[in-house]
């Protein structure tokens, strides 16, 4: 997990403490037609198991993909390493931002929580 260790530890703590609200990736490294503008990650229950649902927002459409928790973390690391320069983790105890500079330097910013309550959970149909 390299430079993103603090971010993924905070994500795991948020999941363990049932405080995870959502996660947003923004500020793409490259902008252009057909490229992903943002990714929104929410936690859902499918057949009694927790899964991440990724919503990939493009200029003209949205695509959804579901990942197991482990696969979702791998996808997040890949997206932060290759595609986005800002990731924001929203939990009930804090908001944590990971910022990646053009030189690939990673820094963090902690803020007061934006949410006092979790988002409503809607069971997804597989």
C-alpha atoms as a PDB file:
ATOM      1  CA  UNK A   1       0.000   0.000   0.000  1.00  0.00           C
ATOM      2  CA  UNK A   2       3.078   2.230  -0.056  1.00  0.00           C
ATOM      3  CA  UNK A   3       2.345   5.920   0.541  1.00  0.00           C
ATOM      4  CA  UNK A   4      -1.389   5.319   0.957  1.00  0.00           C
ATOM      5  CA  UNK A   5      -1.006   3.293   4.167  1.00  0.00           C
ATOM      6  CA  UNK A   6      -2.556   5.955   6.408  1.00  0.00           C
ATOM      7  CA  UNK A   7      -5.516   6.358   4.041  1.00  0.00           C
ATOM      8  CA  UNK A   8      -6.268   2.638   3.852  1.00  0.00           C
ATOM      9  CA  UNK A   9      -5.800   2.157   7.603  1.00  0.00           C
ATOM     10  CA  UNK A  10      -8.366   4.929   8.183  1.00  0.00           C
ATOM     11  CA  UNK A  11     -10.697   3.230   5.666  1.00  0.00           C
ATOM     12  CA  UNK A  12     -10.357  -0.123   7.455  1.00  0.00           C
ATOM     13  CA  UNK A  13     -10.947   1.539  10.859  1.00  0.00           C
ATOM     14  CA  UNK A  14     -14.044   3.250   9.488  1.00  0.00           C
ATOM     15  CA  UNK A  15     -15.367  -0.099   8.261  1.00  0.00           C
ATOM     16  CA  UNK A  16     -14.536  -1.902  11.531  1.00  0.00           C
ATOM     17  CA  UNK A  17     -16.117   0.827  13.668  1.00  0.00           C
ATOM     18  CA  UNK A  18     -19.174   1.053  11.389  1.00  0.00           C
ATOM     19  CA  UNK A  19     -18.380   4.734  10.726  1.00  0.00           C
ATOM     20  CA  UNK A  20     -17.682   4.587   6.969  1.00  0.00           C
ATOM     21  CA  UNK A  21     -19.999   6.916   5.035  1.00  0.00           C
ATOM     22  CA  UNK A  22     -18.527   7.144   1.517  1.00  0.00           C
ATOM     23  CA  UNK A  23     -15.352   7.778  -0.430  1.00  0.00           C
ATOM     24  CA  UNK A  24     -14.785  10.133  -3.357  1.00  0.00           C
ATOM     25  CA  UNK A  25     -11.943  10.285  -5.880  1.00  0.00           C
ATOM     26  CA  UNK A  26     -11.557  13.510  -7.846  1.00  0.00           C
ATOM     27  CA  UNK A  27      -9.099  15.751  -9.680  1.00  0.00           C
ATOM     28  CA  UNK A  28      -8.157  13.404 -12.519  1.00  0.00           C
ATOM     29  CA  UNK A  29      -4.544  13.527 -13.657  1.00  0.00           C
ATOM     30  CA  UNK A  30      -5.699  13.789 -17.277  1.00  0.00           C
ATOM     31  CA  UNK A  31      -8.851  15.423 -18.514  1.00  0.00           C
ATOM     32  CA  UNK A  32     -10.452  14.586 -21.781  1.00  0.00           C
ATOM     33  CA  UNK A  33     -13.404  13.114 -23.563  1.00  0.00           C
ATOM     34  CA  UNK A  34     -14.165   9.576 -22.434  1.00  0.00           C
ATOM     35  CA  UNK A  35     -12.008   9.721 -19.287  1.00  0.00           C
ATOM     36  CA  UNK A  36     -13.343   9.252 -15.762  1.00  0.00           C
ATOM     37  CA  UNK A  37     -14.105  12.555 -13.993  1.00  0.00           C
ATOM     38  CA  UNK A  38     -14.914  11.188 -10.526  1.00  0.00           C
ATOM     39  CA  UNK A  39     -15.420   7.930  -8.691  1.00  0.00           C
ATOM     40  CA  UNK A  40     -17.856   7.605  -5.788  1.00  0.00           C
ATOM     41  CA  UNK A  41     -17.640   4.589  -3.479  1.00  0.00           C
ATOM     42  CA  UNK A  42     -20.424   3.399  -1.177  1.00  0.00           C
ATOM     43  CA  UNK A  43     -20.849   0.325   0.968  1.00  0.00           C
ATOM     44  CA  UNK A  44     -23.823  -1.963   0.363  1.00  0.00           C
ATOM     45  CA  UNK A  45     -25.100  -5.345   1.469  1.00  0.00           C
ATOM     46  CA  UNK A  46     -25.534  -7.993  -1.212  1.00  0.00           C
ATOM     47  CA  UNK A  47     -26.804 -11.363  -0.045  1.00  0.00           C
ATOM     48  CA  UNK A  48     -25.668 -10.534   3.501  1.00  0.00           C
ATOM     49  CA  UNK A  49     -22.118  -9.569   2.472  1.00  0.00           C
ATOM     50  CA  UNK A  50     -20.631  -6.083   2.457  1.00  0.00           C
ATOM     51  CA  UNK A  51     -19.471  -4.897  -0.954  1.00  0.00           C
ATOM     52  CA  UNK A  52     -18.162  -1.651  -2.376  1.00  0.00           C
ATOM     53  CA  UNK A  53     -20.092  -0.138  -5.239  1.00  0.00           C
ATOM     54  CA  UNK A  54     -17.989   2.159  -7.410  1.00  0.00           C
ATOM     55  CA  UNK A  55     -19.791   4.764  -9.499  1.00  0.00           C
ATOM     56  CA  UNK A  56     -17.492   5.926 -12.313  1.00  0.00           C
ATOM     57  CA  UNK A  57     -18.663   9.331 -13.562  1.00  0.00           C
ATOM     58  CA  UNK A  58     -17.773  10.261 -17.117  1.00  0.00           C
ATOM     59  CA  UNK A  59     -18.784  13.431 -18.959  1.00  0.00           C
ATOM     60  CA  UNK A  60     -21.841  11.819 -20.543  1.00  0.00           C
ATOM     61  CA  UNK A  61     -22.525   8.632 -18.577  1.00  0.00           C
ATOM     62  CA  UNK A  62     -22.108   6.725 -15.331  1.00  0.00           C
ATOM     63  CA  UNK A  63     -20.933   3.137 -14.889  1.00  0.00           C
ATOM     64  CA  UNK A  64     -21.277   1.023 -11.772  1.00  0.00           C
ATOM     65  CA  UNK A  65     -19.079  -1.848 -10.616  1.00  0.00           C
ATOM     66  CA  UNK A  66     -19.230  -3.946  -7.486  1.00  0.00           C
ATOM     67  CA  UNK A  67     -16.135  -5.174  -5.645  1.00  0.00           C
ATOM     68  CA  UNK A  68     -15.452  -7.263  -2.580  1.00  0.00           C
ATOM     69  CA  UNK A  69     -13.818  -5.226   0.183  1.00  0.00           C
ATOM     70  CA  UNK A  70     -10.359  -6.603  -0.647  1.00  0.00           C
ATOM     71  CA  UNK A  71     -10.722  -6.083  -4.403  1.00  0.00           C
ATOM     72  CA  UNK A  72     -12.180  -2.623  -3.802  1.00  0.00           C
ATOM     73  CA  UNK A  73      -9.116  -1.549  -1.837  1.00  0.00           C
ATOM     74  CA  UNK A  74      -6.883  -2.788  -4.680  1.00  0.00           C
ATOM     75  CA  UNK A  75      -8.976  -0.829  -7.196  1.00  0.00           C
ATOM     76  CA  UNK A  76      -8.748   2.299  -5.023  1.00  0.00           C
ATOM     77  CA  UNK A  77      -4.975   2.018  -4.794  1.00  0.00           C
ATOM     78  CA  UNK A  78      -4.719   1.632  -8.567  1.00  0.00           C
ATOM     79  CA  UNK A  79      -6.989   4.631  -9.204  1.00  0.00           C
ATOM     80  CA  UNK A  80      -5.082   6.818  -6.727  1.00  0.00           C
ATOM     81  CA  UNK A  81      -1.741   5.778  -8.216  1.00  0.00           C
ATOM     82  CA  UNK A  82      -2.691   6.227 -11.859  1.00  0.00           C
ATOM     83  CA  UNK A  83      -5.829   8.294 -12.373  1.00  0.00           C
ATOM     84  CA  UNK A  84      -6.678  10.727  -9.552  1.00  0.00           C
ATOM     85  CA  UNK A  85      -4.893  13.304  -7.417  1.00  0.00           C
ATOM     86  CA  UNK A  86      -7.413  13.591  -4.562  1.00  0.00           C
ATOM     87  CA  UNK A  87      -9.211  11.009  -2.480  1.00  0.00           C
ATOM     88  CA  UNK A  88     -11.608  11.943   0.323  1.00  0.00           C
ATOM     89  CA  UNK A  89     -12.718   9.409   2.916  1.00  0.00           C
ATOM     90  CA  UNK A  90     -15.859  10.433   4.784  1.00  0.00           C
ATOM     91  CA  UNK A  91     -16.448   8.777   8.159  1.00  0.00           C
ATOM     92  CA  UNK A  92     -18.555   9.754  11.155  1.00  0.00           C
ATOM     93  CA  UNK A  93     -15.414  10.667  13.138  1.00  0.00           C
ATOM     94  CA  UNK A  94     -13.402  12.584  10.500  1.00  0.00           C
ATOM     95  CA  UNK A  95     -12.902  13.405   6.842  1.00  0.00           C
ATOM     96  CA  UNK A  96      -9.490  12.376   5.563  1.00  0.00           C
ATOM     97  CA  UNK A  97      -8.077  13.648   2.289  1.00  0.00           C
ATOM     98  CA  UNK A  98      -5.112  12.124   0.511  1.00  0.00           C
ATOM     99  CA  UNK A  99      -3.490  14.489  -1.986  1.00  0.00           C
ATOM    100  CA  UNK A 100      -1.070  13.350  -4.693  1.00  0.00           C
ATOM    101  CA  UNK A 101       1.109  16.067  -6.238  1.00  0.00           C
ATOM    102  CA  UNK A 102       2.274  16.131  -9.846  1.00  0.00           C
ATOM    103  CA  UNK A 103       5.581  14.769  -8.528  1.00  0.00           C
ATOM    104  CA  UNK A 104       3.713  11.826  -6.929  1.00  0.00           C
ATOM    105  CA  UNK A 105       4.291  13.139  -3.390  1.00  0.00           C
ATOM    106  CA  UNK A 106       1.522  12.052  -1.025  1.00  0.00           C
ATOM    107  CA  UNK A 107       0.177  14.266   1.749  1.00  0.00           C
ATOM    108  CA  UNK A 108      -2.842  14.140   4.041  1.00  0.00           C
ATOM    109  CA  UNK A 109      -5.347  16.584   5.441  1.00  0.00           C
ATOM    110  CA  UNK A 110      -7.739  15.751   8.272  1.00  0.00           C
ATOM    111  CA  UNK A 111     -10.958  17.715   8.682  1.00  0.00           C
ATOM    112  CA  UNK A 112     -13.989  17.662  10.950  1.00  0.00           C
ATOM    113  CA  UNK A 113     -16.588  15.135   9.811  1.00  0.00           C
ATOM    114  CA  UNK A 114     -19.027  16.316   7.129  1.00  0.00           C
ATOM    115  CA  UNK A 115     -21.615  13.703   8.130  1.00  0.00           C
ATOM    116  CA  UNK A 116     -23.293  13.079  11.480  1.00  0.00           C
ATOM    117  CA  UNK A 117     -25.228  10.061  10.214  1.00  0.00           C
ATOM    118  CA  UNK A 118     -24.505   7.267   7.785  1.00  0.00           C
ATOM    119  CA  UNK A 119     -26.132   7.299   4.353  1.00  0.00           C
ATOM    120  CA  UNK A 120     -29.167   5.026   4.067  1.00  0.00           C
ATOM    121  CA  UNK A 121     -28.236   1.478   3.134  1.00  0.00           C
ATOM    122  CA  UNK A 122     -30.243  -0.039   0.345  1.00  0.00           C
ATOM    123  CA  UNK A 123     -29.652  -3.732  -0.274  1.00  0.00           C
ATOM    124  CA  UNK A 124     -28.562  -4.268  -3.870  1.00  0.00           C
ATOM    125  CA  UNK A 125     -29.816  -7.092  -5.997  1.00  0.00           C
ATOM    126  CA  UNK A 126     -26.979  -9.159  -7.433  1.00  0.00           C
END
